[in-house]
Amino acid sequence: VKGRFTISRDNARNTVYLQMNSLKAEDTA
């Protein structure tokens, strides 16, 4: 997933995100 996915966090909202770009069929899960 390197170069396609980005993990980030918002400390004020106690939330972690996973931005997934250029998705492939193999990412199905």
mmCIF file of all heavy atoms, coordinates in Angstrom:
data_MODEL
# 
_entry.id   MODEL 
# 
loop_
_atom_site.group_PDB 
_atom_site.id 
_atom_site.type_symbol 
_atom_site.label_atom_id 
_atom_site.label_alt_id 
_atom_site.label_comp_id 
_atom_site.label_asym_id 
_atom_site.label_entity_id 
_atom_site.label_seq_id 
_atom_site.pdbx_PDB_ins_code 
_atom_site.Cartn_x 
_atom_site.Cartn_y 
_atom_site.Cartn_z 
_atom_site.occupancy 
_atom_site.B_iso_or_equiv 
_atom_site.pdbx_formal_charge 
_atom_site.auth_seq_id 
_atom_site.auth_comp_id 
_atom_site.auth_asym_id 
_atom_site.auth_atom_id 
_atom_site.pdbx_PDB_model_num 
ATOM 1   N N   . VAL A 1 1  ? 0.808   -1.223 0.000  1.00 0.00 ? 1  VAL A N   1 
ATOM 2   C CA  . VAL A 1 1  ? 0.000   0.000  0.000  1.00 0.00 ? 1  VAL A CA  1 
ATOM 3   C C   . VAL A 1 1  ? 0.837   1.266  0.000  1.00 0.00 ? 1  VAL A C   1 
ATOM 4   O O   . VAL A 1 1  ? 0.269   2.368  -0.079 1.00 0.00 ? 1  VAL A O   1 
ATOM 5   C CB  . VAL A 1 1  ? -0.989  0.036  1.184  1.00 0.00 ? 1  VAL A CB  1 
ATOM 6   C CG1 . VAL A 1 1  ? -1.837  -1.226 1.213  1.00 0.00 ? 1  VAL A CG1 1 
ATOM 7   C CG2 . VAL A 1 1  ? -0.248  0.224  2.505  1.00 0.00 ? 1  VAL A CG2 1 
ATOM 8   N N   . LYS A 1 2  ? 2.149   1.165  0.070  1.00 0.00 ? 2  LYS A N   1 
ATOM 9   C CA  . LYS A 1 2  ? 3.011   2.346  0.083  1.00 0.00 ? 2  LYS A CA  1 
ATOM 10  C C   . LYS A 1 2  ? 2.791   3.184  -1.175 1.00 0.00 ? 2  LYS A C   1 
ATOM 11  O O   . LYS A 1 2  ? 2.743   2.661  -2.280 1.00 0.00 ? 2  LYS A O   1 
ATOM 12  C CB  . LYS A 1 2  ? 4.479   1.937  0.189  1.00 0.00 ? 2  LYS A CB  1 
ATOM 13  C CG  . LYS A 1 2  ? 4.886   1.448  1.562  1.00 0.00 ? 2  LYS A CG  1 
ATOM 14  C CD  . LYS A 1 2  ? 6.363   1.079  1.613  1.00 0.00 ? 2  LYS A CD  1 
ATOM 15  C CE  . LYS A 1 2  ? 6.769   0.627  2.998  1.00 0.00 ? 2  LYS A CE  1 
ATOM 16  N NZ  . LYS A 1 2  ? 8.195   0.210  3.050  1.00 0.00 ? 2  LYS A NZ  1 
ATOM 17  N N   . GLY A 1 3  ? 2.661   4.490  -0.976 1.00 0.00 ? 3  GLY A N   1 
ATOM 18  C CA  . GLY A 1 3  ? 2.412   5.394  -2.086 1.00 0.00 ? 3  GLY A CA  1 
ATOM 19  C C   . GLY A 1 3  ? 0.957   5.560  -2.439 1.00 0.00 ? 3  GLY A C   1 
ATOM 20  O O   . GLY A 1 3  ? 0.612   6.460  -3.218 1.00 0.00 ? 3  GLY A O   1 
ATOM 21  N N   . ARG A 1 4  ? 0.084   4.708  -1.894 1.00 0.00 ? 4  ARG A N   1 
ATOM 22  C CA  . ARG A 1 4  ? -1.345  4.780  -2.181 1.00 0.00 ? 4  ARG A CA  1 
ATOM 23  C C   . ARG A 1 4  ? -2.180  5.118  -0.940 1.00 0.00 ? 4  ARG A C   1 
ATOM 24  O O   . ARG A 1 4  ? -3.181  5.823  -1.040 1.00 0.00 ? 4  ARG A O   1 
ATOM 25  C CB  . ARG A 1 4  ? -1.854  3.461  -2.773 1.00 0.00 ? 4  ARG A CB  1 
ATOM 26  C CG  . ARG A 1 4  ? -1.180  3.081  -4.081 1.00 0.00 ? 4  ARG A CG  1 
ATOM 27  C CD  . ARG A 1 4  ? -1.876  1.882  -4.730 1.00 0.00 ? 4  ARG A CD  1 
ATOM 28  N NE  . ARG A 1 4  ? -1.792  0.682  -3.885 1.00 0.00 ? 4  ARG A NE  1 
ATOM 29  C CZ  . ARG A 1 4  ? -2.840  0.031  -3.416 1.00 0.00 ? 4  ARG A CZ  1 
ATOM 30  N NH1 . ARG A 1 4  ? -4.078  0.453  -3.689 1.00 0.00 ? 4  ARG A NH1 1 
ATOM 31  N NH2 . ARG A 1 4  ? -2.677  -1.059 -2.672 1.00 0.00 ? 4  ARG A NH2 1 
ATOM 32  N N   . PHE A 1 5  ? -1.784  4.600  0.224  1.00 0.00 ? 5  PHE A N   1 
ATOM 33  C CA  . PHE A 1 5  ? -2.529  4.806  1.467  1.00 0.00 ? 5  PHE A CA  1 
ATOM 34  C C   . PHE A 1 5  ? -1.767  5.762  2.381  1.00 0.00 ? 5  PHE A C   1 
ATOM 35  O O   . PHE A 1 5  ? -0.530  5.770  2.403  1.00 0.00 ? 5  PHE A O   1 
ATOM 36  C CB  . PHE A 1 5  ? -2.727  3.489  2.216  1.00 0.00 ? 5  PHE A CB  1 
ATOM 37  C CG  . PHE A 1 5  ? -3.661  2.512  1.564  1.00 0.00 ? 5  PHE A CG  1 
ATOM 38  C CD1 . PHE A 1 5  ? -4.126  2.693  0.269  1.00 0.00 ? 5  PHE A CD1 1 
ATOM 39  C CD2 . PHE A 1 5  ? -4.074  1.390  2.266  1.00 0.00 ? 5  PHE A CD2 1 
ATOM 40  C CE1 . PHE A 1 5  ? -4.984  1.778  -0.327 1.00 0.00 ? 5  PHE A CE1 1 
ATOM 41  C CE2 . PHE A 1 5  ? -4.933  0.467  1.691  1.00 0.00 ? 5  PHE A CE2 1 
ATOM 42  C CZ  . PHE A 1 5  ? -5.384  0.661  0.398  1.00 0.00 ? 5  PHE A CZ  1 
ATOM 43  N N   . THR A 1 6  ? -2.509  6.553  3.164  1.00 0.00 ? 6  THR A N   1 
ATOM 44  C CA  . THR A 1 6  ? -1.916  7.454  4.139  1.00 0.00 ? 6  THR A CA  1 
ATOM 45  C C   . THR A 1 6  ? -2.674  7.359  5.455  1.00 0.00 ? 6  THR A C   1 
ATOM 46  O O   . THR A 1 6  ? -3.892  7.529  5.481  1.00 0.00 ? 6  THR A O   1 
ATOM 47  C CB  . THR A 1 6  ? -1.937  8.913  3.649  1.00 0.00 ? 6  THR A CB  1 
ATOM 48  O OG1 . THR A 1 6  ? -1.251  9.022  2.405  1.00 0.00 ? 6  THR A OG1 1 
ATOM 49  C CG2 . THR A 1 6  ? -1.257  9.824  4.672  1.00 0.00 ? 6  THR A CG2 1 
ATOM 50  N N   . ILE A 1 7  ? -1.961  7.092  6.552  1.00 0.00 ? 7  ILE A N   1 
ATOM 51  C CA  . ILE A 1 7  ? -2.564  7.084  7.877  1.00 0.00 ? 7  ILE A CA  1 
ATOM 52  C C   . ILE A 1 7  ? -2.293  8.425  8.548  1.00 0.00 ? 7  ILE A C   1 
ATOM 53  O O   . ILE A 1 7  ? -1.201  8.980  8.427  1.00 0.00 ? 7  ILE A O   1 
ATOM 54  C CB  . ILE A 1 7  ? -2.038  5.909  8.732  1.00 0.00 ? 7  ILE A CB  1 
ATOM 55  C CG1 . ILE A 1 7  ? -2.835  5.797  10.037 1.00 0.00 ? 7  ILE A CG1 1 
ATOM 56  C CG2 . ILE A 1 7  ? -0.552  6.020  8.996  1.00 0.00 ? 7  ILE A CG2 1 
ATOM 57  C CD1 . ILE A 1 7  ? -2.543  4.517  10.816 1.00 0.00 ? 7  ILE A CD1 1 
ATOM 58  N N   . SER A 1 8  ? -3.285  8.954  9.242  1.00 0.00 ? 8  SER A N   1 
ATOM 59  C CA  . SER A 1 8  ? -3.145  10.224 9.933  1.00 0.00 ? 8  SER A CA  1 
ATOM 60  C C   . SER A 1 8  ? -4.028  10.226 11.173 1.00 0.00 ? 8  SER A C   1 
ATOM 61  O O   . SER A 1 8  ? -4.816  9.299  11.384 1.00 0.00 ? 8  SER A O   1 
ATOM 62  C CB  . SER A 1 8  ? -3.507  11.401 9.013  1.00 0.00 ? 8  SER A CB  1 
ATOM 63  O OG  . SER A 1 8  ? -4.861  11.316 8.599  1.00 0.00 ? 8  SER A OG  1 
ATOM 64  N N   . ARG A 1 9  ? -3.904  11.257 12.000 1.00 0.00 ? 9  ARG A N   1 
ATOM 65  C CA  . ARG A 1 9  ? -4.703  11.337 13.218 1.00 0.00 ? 9  ARG A CA  1 
ATOM 66  C C   . ARG A 1 9  ? -5.133  12.761 13.478 1.00 0.00 ? 9  ARG A C   1 
ATOM 67  O O   . ARG A 1 9  ? -4.490  13.726 13.064 1.00 0.00 ? 9  ARG A O   1 
ATOM 68  C CB  . ARG A 1 9  ? -3.905  10.793 14.408 1.00 0.00 ? 9  ARG A CB  1 
ATOM 69  C CG  . ARG A 1 9  ? -2.743  11.685 14.829 1.00 0.00 ? 9  ARG A CG  1 
ATOM 70  C CD  . ARG A 1 9  ? -1.873  11.035 15.873 1.00 0.00 ? 9  ARG A CD  1 
ATOM 71  N NE  . ARG A 1 9  ? -0.871  11.970 16.368 1.00 0.00 ? 9  ARG A NE  1 
ATOM 72  C CZ  . ARG A 1 9  ? 0.275   11.635 16.911 1.00 0.00 ? 9  ARG A CZ  1 
ATOM 73  N NH1 . ARG A 1 9  ? 0.580   10.346 17.052 1.00 0.00 ? 9  ARG A NH1 1 
ATOM 74  N NH2 . ARG A 1 9  ? 1.117   12.560 17.324 1.00 0.00 ? 9  ARG A NH2 1 
ATOM 75  N N   . ASP A 1 10 ? -6.264  12.891 14.183 1.00 0.00 ? 10 ASP A N   1 
ATOM 76  C CA  . ASP A 1 10 ? -6.773  14.168 14.664 1.00 0.00 ? 10 ASP A CA  1 
ATOM 77  C C   . ASP A 1 10 ? -6.905  14.018 16.171 1.00 0.00 ? 10 ASP A C   1 
ATOM 78  O O   . ASP A 1 10 ? -7.869  13.427 16.664 1.00 0.00 ? 10 ASP A O   1 
ATOM 79  C CB  . ASP A 1 10 ? -8.111  14.503 14.015 1.00 0.00 ? 10 ASP A CB  1 
ATOM 80  C CG  . ASP A 1 10 ? -8.622  15.880 14.395 1.00 0.00 ? 10 ASP A CG  1 
ATOM 81  O OD1 . ASP A 1 10 ? -8.244  16.399 15.466 1.00 0.00 ? 10 ASP A OD1 1 
ATOM 82  O OD2 . ASP A 1 10 ? -9.412  16.451 13.617 1.00 0.00 ? 10 ASP A OD2 1 
ATOM 83  N N   . ASN A 1 11 ? -5.926  14.541 16.910 1.00 0.00 ? 11 ASN A N   1 
ATOM 84  C CA  . ASN A 1 11 ? -5.905  14.356 18.357 1.00 0.00 ? 11 ASN A CA  1 
ATOM 85  C C   . ASN A 1 11 ? -7.119  14.990 19.043 1.00 0.00 ? 11 ASN A C   1 
ATOM 86  O O   . ASN A 1 11 ? -7.620  14.453 20.031 1.00 0.00 ? 11 ASN A O   1 
ATOM 87  C CB  . ASN A 1 11 ? -4.620  14.930 18.944 1.00 0.00 ? 11 ASN A CB  1 
ATOM 88  C CG  . ASN A 1 11 ? -3.383  14.202 18.476 1.00 0.00 ? 11 ASN A CG  1 
ATOM 89  O OD1 . ASN A 1 11 ? -3.433  13.012 18.145 1.00 0.00 ? 11 ASN A OD1 1 
ATOM 90  N ND2 . ASN A 1 11 ? -2.255  14.906 18.439 1.00 0.00 ? 11 ASN A ND2 1 
ATOM 91  N N   . ALA A 1 12 ? -7.591  16.126 18.530 1.00 0.00 ? 12 ALA A N   1 
ATOM 92  C CA  . ALA A 1 12 ? -8.724  16.811 19.136 1.00 0.00 ? 12 ALA A CA  1 
ATOM 93  C C   . ALA A 1 12 ? -10.001 15.996 19.030 1.00 0.00 ? 12 ALA A C   1 
ATOM 94  O O   . ALA A 1 12 ? -10.895 16.123 19.872 1.00 0.00 ? 12 ALA A O   1 
ATOM 95  C CB  . ALA A 1 12 ? -8.920  18.181 18.502 1.00 0.00 ? 12 ALA A CB  1 
ATOM 96  N N   . ARG A 1 13 ? -10.113 15.170 17.992 1.00 0.00 ? 13 ARG A N   1 
ATOM 97  C CA  . ARG A 1 13 ? -11.306 14.352 17.781 1.00 0.00 ? 13 ARG A CA  1 
ATOM 98  C C   . ARG A 1 13 ? -11.085 12.898 18.173 1.00 0.00 ? 13 ARG A C   1 
ATOM 99  O O   . ARG A 1 13 ? -11.984 12.075 17.999 1.00 0.00 ? 13 ARG A O   1 
ATOM 100 C CB  . ARG A 1 13 ? -11.745 14.434 16.319 1.00 0.00 ? 13 ARG A CB  1 
ATOM 101 C CG  . ARG A 1 13 ? -12.055 15.853 15.861 1.00 0.00 ? 13 ARG A CG  1 
ATOM 102 C CD  . ARG A 1 13 ? -12.570 15.893 14.440 1.00 0.00 ? 13 ARG A CD  1 
ATOM 103 N NE  . ARG A 1 13 ? -13.896 15.295 14.339 1.00 0.00 ? 13 ARG A NE  1 
ATOM 104 C CZ  . ARG A 1 13 ? -14.620 15.290 13.228 1.00 0.00 ? 13 ARG A CZ  1 
ATOM 105 N NH1 . ARG A 1 13 ? -14.145 15.854 12.124 1.00 0.00 ? 13 ARG A NH1 1 
ATOM 106 N NH2 . ARG A 1 13 ? -15.811 14.721 13.218 1.00 0.00 ? 13 ARG A NH2 1 
ATOM 107 N N   . ASN A 1 14 ? -9.908  12.573 18.704 1.00 0.00 ? 14 ASN A N   1 
ATOM 108 C CA  . ASN A 1 14 ? -9.576  11.204 19.111 1.00 0.00 ? 14 ASN A CA  1 
ATOM 109 C C   . ASN A 1 14 ? -9.839  10.213 17.976 1.00 0.00 ? 14 ASN A C   1 
ATOM 110 O O   . ASN A 1 14 ? -10.391 9.127  18.195 1.00 0.00 ? 14 ASN A O   1 
ATOM 111 C CB  . ASN A 1 14 ? -10.353 10.800 20.366 1.00 0.00 ? 14 ASN A CB  1 
ATOM 112 C CG  . ASN A 1 14 ? -9.947  11.594 21.582 1.00 0.00 ? 14 ASN A CG  1 
ATOM 113 O OD1 . ASN A 1 14 ? -8.771  11.912 21.769 1.00 0.00 ? 14 ASN A OD1 1 
ATOM 114 N ND2 . ASN A 1 14 ? -10.922 11.914 22.428 1.00 0.00 ? 14 ASN A ND2 1 
ATOM 115 N N   . THR A 1 15 ? -9.414  10.587 16.777 1.00 0.00 ? 15 THR A N   1 
ATOM 116 C CA  . THR A 1 15 ? -9.733  9.810  15.586 1.00 0.00 ? 15 THR A CA  1 
ATOM 117 C C   . THR A 1 15 ? -8.487  9.590  14.736 1.00 0.00 ? 15 THR A C   1 
ATOM 118 O O   . THR A 1 15 ? -7.670  10.499 14.567 1.00 0.00 ? 15 THR A O   1 
ATOM 119 C CB  . THR A 1 15 ? -10.808 10.512 14.748 1.00 0.00 ? 15 THR A CB  1 
ATOM 120 O OG1 . THR A 1 15 ? -11.997 10.660 15.532 1.00 0.00 ? 15 THR A OG1 1 
ATOM 121 C CG2 . THR A 1 15 ? -11.147 9.710  13.497 1.00 0.00 ? 15 THR A CG2 1 
ATOM 122 N N   . VAL A 1 16 ? -8.354  8.379  14.208 1.00 0.00 ? 16 VAL A N   1 
ATOM 123 C CA  . VAL A 1 16 ? -7.315  8.021  13.252 1.00 0.00 ? 16 VAL A CA  1 
ATOM 124 C C   . VAL A 1 16 ? -7.983  7.732  11.916 1.00 0.00 ? 16 VAL A C   1 
ATOM 125 O O   . VAL A 1 16 ? -9.055  7.118  11.869 1.00 0.00 ? 16 VAL A O   1 
ATOM 126 C CB  . VAL A 1 16 ? -6.505  6.807  13.742 1.00 0.00 ? 16 VAL A CB  1 
ATOM 127 C CG1 . VAL A 1 16 ? -5.560  6.308  12.653 1.00 0.00 ? 16 VAL A CG1 1 
ATOM 128 C CG2 . VAL A 1 16 ? -5.710  7.180  14.985 1.00 0.00 ? 16 VAL A CG2 1 
ATOM 129 N N   . TYR A 1 17 ? -7.349  8.163  10.828 1.00 0.00 ? 17 TYR A N   1 
ATOM 130 C CA  . TYR A 1 17 ? -7.893  7.999  9.492  1.00 0.00 ? 17 TYR A CA  1 
ATOM 131 C C   . TYR A 1 17 ? -6.970  7.149  8.630  1.00 0.00 ? 17 TYR A C   1 
ATOM 132 O O   . TYR A 1 17 ? -5.762  7.076  8.854  1.00 0.00 ? 17 TYR A O   1 
ATOM 133 C CB  . TYR A 1 17 ? -8.063  9.362  8.808  1.00 0.00 ? 17 TYR A CB  1 
ATOM 134 C CG  . TYR A 1 17 ? -8.939  10.323 9.559  1.00 0.00 ? 17 TYR A CG  1 
ATOM 135 C CD1 . TYR A 1 17 ? -8.386  11.289 10.396 1.00 0.00 ? 17 TYR A CD1 1 
ATOM 136 C CD2 . TYR A 1 17 ? -10.319 10.276 9.437  1.00 0.00 ? 17 TYR A CD2 1 
ATOM 137 C CE1 . TYR A 1 17 ? -9.186  12.179 11.086 1.00 0.00 ? 17 TYR A CE1 1 
ATOM 138 C CE2 . TYR A 1 17 ? -11.128 11.162 10.129 1.00 0.00 ? 17 TYR A CE2 1 
ATOM 139 C CZ  . TYR A 1 17 ? -10.558 12.113 10.951 1.00 0.00 ? 17 TYR A CZ  1 
ATOM 140 O OH  . TYR A 1 17 ? -11.351 12.992 11.640 1.00 0.00 ? 17 TYR A OH  1 
ATOM 141 N N   . LEU A 1 18 ? -7.562  6.518  7.625  1.00 0.00 ? 18 LEU A N   1 
ATOM 142 C CA  . LEU A 1 18 ? -6.801  5.842  6.588  1.00 0.00 ? 18 LEU A CA  1 
ATOM 143 C C   . LEU A 1 18 ? -7.334  6.312  5.244  1.00 0.00 ? 18 LEU A C   1 
ATOM 144 O O   . LEU A 1 18 ? -8.438  5.924  4.847  1.00 0.00 ? 18 LEU A O   1 
ATOM 145 C CB  . LEU A 1 18 ? -6.902  4.320  6.697  1.00 0.00 ? 18 LEU A CB  1 
ATOM 146 C CG  . LEU A 1 18 ? -6.049  3.540  5.697  1.00 0.00 ? 18 LEU A CG  1 
ATOM 147 C CD1 . LEU A 1 18 ? -4.563  3.729  6.000  1.00 0.00 ? 18 LEU A CD1 1 
ATOM 148 C CD2 . LEU A 1 18 ? -6.404  2.055  5.708  1.00 0.00 ? 18 LEU A CD2 1 
ATOM 149 N N   . GLN A 1 19 ? -6.573  7.170  4.561  1.00 0.00 ? 19 GLN A N   1 
ATOM 150 C CA  . GLN A 1 19 ? -6.931  7.626  3.228  1.00 0.00 ? 19 GLN A CA  1 
ATOM 151 C C   . GLN A 1 19 ? -6.408  6.615  2.221  1.00 0.00 ? 19 GLN A C   1 
ATOM 152 O O   . GLN A 1 19 ? -5.205  6.355  2.169  1.00 0.00 ? 19 GLN A O   1 
ATOM 153 C CB  . GLN A 1 19 ? -6.333  9.008  2.948  1.00 0.00 ? 19 GLN A CB  1 
ATOM 154 C CG  . GLN A 1 19 ? -6.644  9.559  1.560  1.00 0.00 ? 19 GLN A CG  1 
ATOM 155 C CD  . GLN A 1 19 ? -8.105  9.859  1.369  1.00 0.00 ? 19 GLN A CD  1 
ATOM 156 O OE1 . GLN A 1 19 ? -8.741  10.450 2.236  1.00 0.00 ? 19 GLN A OE1 1 
ATOM 157 N NE2 . GLN A 1 19 ? -8.645  9.446  0.230  1.00 0.00 ? 19 GLN A NE2 1 
ATOM 158 N N   . MET A 1 20 ? -7.297  6.053  1.420  1.00 0.00 ? 20 MET A N   1 
ATOM 159 C CA  . MET A 1 20 ? -6.953  5.010  0.466  1.00 0.00 ? 20 MET A CA  1 
ATOM 160 C C   . MET A 1 20 ? -7.213  5.530  -0.941 1.00 0.00 ? 20 MET A C   1 
ATOM 161 O O   . MET A 1 20 ? -8.361  5.800  -1.307 1.00 0.00 ? 20 MET A O   1 
ATOM 162 C CB  . MET A 1 20 ? -7.763  3.736  0.723  1.00 0.00 ? 20 MET A CB  1 
ATOM 163 C CG  . MET A 1 20 ? -7.625  3.209  2.151  1.00 0.00 ? 20 MET A CG  1 
ATOM 164 S SD  . MET A 1 20 ? -8.477  1.620  2.393  1.00 0.00 ? 20 MET A SD  1 
ATOM 165 C CE  . MET A 1 20 ? -10.182 2.152  2.180  1.00 0.00 ? 20 MET A CE  1 
ATOM 166 N N   . ASN A 1 21 ? -6.145  5.678  -1.729 1.00 0.00 ? 21 ASN A N   1 
ATOM 167 C CA  . ASN A 1 21 ? -6.235  6.151  -3.107 1.00 0.00 ? 21 ASN A CA  1 
ATOM 168 C C   . ASN A 1 21 ? -5.790  5.057  -4.065 1.00 0.00 ? 21 ASN A C   1 
ATOM 169 O O   . ASN A 1 21 ? -5.130  4.097  -3.680 1.00 0.00 ? 21 ASN A O   1 
ATOM 170 C CB  . ASN A 1 21 ? -5.363  7.397  -3.304 1.00 0.00 ? 21 ASN A CB  1 
ATOM 171 C CG  . ASN A 1 21 ? -5.785  8.566  -2.457 1.00 0.00 ? 21 ASN A CG  1 
ATOM 172 O OD1 . ASN A 1 21 ? -6.970  8.764  -2.191 1.00 0.00 ? 21 ASN A OD1 1 
ATOM 173 N ND2 . ASN A 1 21 ? -4.814  9.371  -2.034 1.00 0.00 ? 21 ASN A ND2 1 
ATOM 174 N N   . SER A 1 22 ? -6.137  5.224  -5.335 1.00 0.00 ? 22 SER A N   1 
ATOM 175 C CA  . SER A 1 22 ? -5.758  4.265  -6.381 1.00 0.00 ? 22 SER A CA  1 
ATOM 176 C C   . SER A 1 22 ? -6.085  2.841  -5.966 1.00 0.00 ? 22 SER A C   1 
ATOM 177 O O   . SER A 1 22 ? -5.261  1.928  -6.082 1.00 0.00 ? 22 SER A O   1 
ATOM 178 C CB  . SER A 1 22 ? -4.266  4.410  -6.709 1.00 0.00 ? 22 SER A CB  1 
ATOM 179 O OG  . SER A 1 22 ? -3.963  5.718  -7.143 1.00 0.00 ? 22 SER A OG  1 
ATOM 180 N N   . LEU A 1 23 ? -7.296  2.635  -5.494 1.00 0.00 ? 23 LEU A N   1 
ATOM 181 C CA  . LEU A 1 23 ? -7.690  1.336  -4.967 1.00 0.00 ? 23 LEU A CA  1 
ATOM 182 C C   . LEU A 1 23 ? -7.688  0.264  -6.052 1.00 0.00 ? 23 LEU A C   1 
ATOM 183 O O   . LEU A 1 23 ? -8.029  0.522  -7.213 1.00 0.00 ? 23 LEU A O   1 
ATOM 184 C CB  . LEU A 1 23 ? -9.059  1.425  -4.312 1.00 0.00 ? 23 LEU A CB  1 
ATOM 185 C CG  . LEU A 1 23 ? -9.053  2.067  -2.921 1.00 0.00 ? 23 LEU A CG  1 
ATOM 186 C CD1 . LEU A 1 23 ? -10.453 2.505  -2.526 1.00 0.00 ? 23 LEU A CD1 1 
ATOM 187 C CD2 . LEU A 1 23 ? -8.489  1.087  -1.893 1.00 0.00 ? 23 LEU A CD2 1 
ATOM 188 N N   . LYS A 1 24 ? -7.300  -0.935 -5.642 1.00 0.00 ? 24 LYS A N   1 
ATOM 189 C CA  . LYS A 1 24 ? -7.243  -2.095 -6.517 1.00 0.00 ? 24 LYS A CA  1 
ATOM 190 C C   . LYS A 1 24 ? -8.195  -3.167 -6.004 1.00 0.00 ? 24 LYS A C   1 
ATOM 191 O O   . LYS A 1 24 ? -8.557  -3.174 -4.822 1.00 0.00 ? 24 LYS A O   1 
ATOM 192 C CB  . LYS A 1 24 ? -5.817  -2.665 -6.569 1.00 0.00 ? 24 LYS A CB  1 
ATOM 193 C CG  . LYS A 1 24 ? -4.743  -1.675 -6.955 1.00 0.00 ? 24 LYS A CG  1 
ATOM 194 C CD  . LYS A 1 24 ? -3.363  -2.314 -6.831 1.00 0.00 ? 24 LYS A CD  1 
ATOM 195 C CE  . LYS A 1 24 ? -2.264  -1.340 -7.191 1.00 0.00 ? 24 LYS A CE  1 
ATOM 196 N NZ  . LYS A 1 24 ? -0.918  -1.950 -7.036 1.00 0.00 ? 24 LYS A NZ  1 
ATOM 197 N N   . ALA A 1 25 ? -8.558  -4.096 -6.869 1.00 0.00 ? 25 ALA A N   1 
ATOM 198 C CA  . ALA A 1 25 ? -9.413  -5.200 -6.454 1.00 0.00 ? 25 ALA A CA  1 
ATOM 199 C C   . ALA A 1 25 ? -8.777  -5.988 -5.312 1.00 0.00 ? 25 ALA A C   1 
ATOM 200 O O   . ALA A 1 25 ? -9.481  -6.509 -4.442 1.00 0.00 ? 25 ALA A O   1 
ATOM 201 C CB  . ALA A 1 25 ? -9.698  -6.121 -7.633 1.00 0.00 ? 25 ALA A CB  1 
ATOM 202 N N   . GLU A 1 26 ? -7.442  -6.046 -5.289 1.00 0.00 ? 26 GLU A N   1 
ATOM 203 C CA  . GLU A 1 26 ? -6.717  -6.771 -4.260 1.00 0.00 ? 26 GLU A CA  1 
ATOM 204 C C   . GLU A 1 26 ? -6.842  -6.127 -2.881 1.00 0.00 ? 26 GLU A C   1 
ATOM 205 O O   . GLU A 1 26 ? -6.480  -6.746 -1.879 1.00 0.00 ? 26 GLU A O   1 
ATOM 206 C CB  . GLU A 1 26 ? -5.239  -6.888 -4.636 1.00 0.00 ? 26 GLU A CB  1 
ATOM 207 C CG  . GLU A 1 26 ? -4.964  -7.736 -5.872 1.00 0.00 ? 26 GLU A CG  1 
ATOM 208 C CD  . GLU A 1 26 ? -5.300  -7.029 -7.179 1.00 0.00 ? 26 GLU A CD  1 
ATOM 209 O OE1 . GLU A 1 26 ? -5.261  -5.782 -7.214 1.00 0.00 ? 26 GLU A OE1 1 
ATOM 210 O OE2 . GLU A 1 26 ? -5.604  -7.727 -8.162 1.00 0.00 ? 26 GLU A OE2 1 
ATOM 211 N N   . ASP A 1 27 ? -7.333  -4.885 -2.818 1.00 0.00 ? 27 ASP A N   1 
ATOM 212 C CA  . ASP A 1 27 ? -7.545  -4.208 -1.537 1.00 0.00 ? 27 ASP A CA  1 
ATOM 213 C C   . ASP A 1 27 ? -8.853  -4.616 -0.874 1.00 0.00 ? 27 ASP A C   1 
ATOM 214 O O   . ASP A 1 27 ? -9.112  -4.216 0.267  1.00 0.00 ? 27 ASP A O   1 
ATOM 215 C CB  . ASP A 1 27 ? -7.523  -2.693 -1.720 1.00 0.00 ? 27 ASP A CB  1 
ATOM 216 C CG  . ASP A 1 27 ? -6.182  -2.178 -2.200 1.00 0.00 ? 27 ASP A CG  1 
ATOM 217 O OD1 . ASP A 1 27 ? -5.145  -2.640 -1.684 1.00 0.00 ? 27 ASP A OD1 1 
ATOM 218 O OD2 . ASP A 1 27 ? -6.170  -1.308 -3.099 1.00 0.00 ? 27 ASP A OD2 1 
ATOM 219 N N   . THR A 1 28 ? -9.689  -5.378 -1.557 1.00 0.00 ? 28 THR A N   1 
ATOM 220 C CA  . THR A 1 28 ? -10.963 -5.817 -1.005 1.00 0.00 ? 28 THR A CA  1 
ATOM 221 C C   . THR A 1 28 ? -10.728 -6.650 0.251  1.00 0.00 ? 28 THR A C   1 
ATOM 222 O O   . THR A 1 28 ? -10.004 -7.642 0.221  1.00 0.00 ? 28 THR A O   1 
ATOM 223 C CB  . THR A 1 28 ? -11.755 -6.626 -2.031 1.00 0.00 ? 28 THR A CB  1 
ATOM 224 O OG1 . THR A 1 28 ? -12.093 -5.785 -3.136 1.00 0.00 ? 28 THR A OG1 1 
ATOM 225 C CG2 . THR A 1 28 ? -13.028 -7.191 -1.421 1.00 0.00 ? 28 THR A CG2 1 
ATOM 226 N N   . ALA A 1 29 ? -11.332 -6.234 1.366  1.00 0.00 ? 29 ALA A N   1 
ATOM 227 C CA  . ALA A 1 29 ? -11.135 -6.909 2.644  1.00 0.00 ? 29 ALA A CA  1 
ATOM 228 C C   . ALA A 1 29 ? -12.008 -6.233 3.696  1.00 0.00 ? 29 ALA A C   1 
ATOM 229 O O   . ALA A 1 29 ? -12.575 -5.168 3.462  1.00 0.00 ? 29 ALA A O   1 
ATOM 230 C CB  . ALA A 1 29 ? -9.665  -6.849 3.074  1.00 0.00 ? 29 ALA A CB  1 
# 
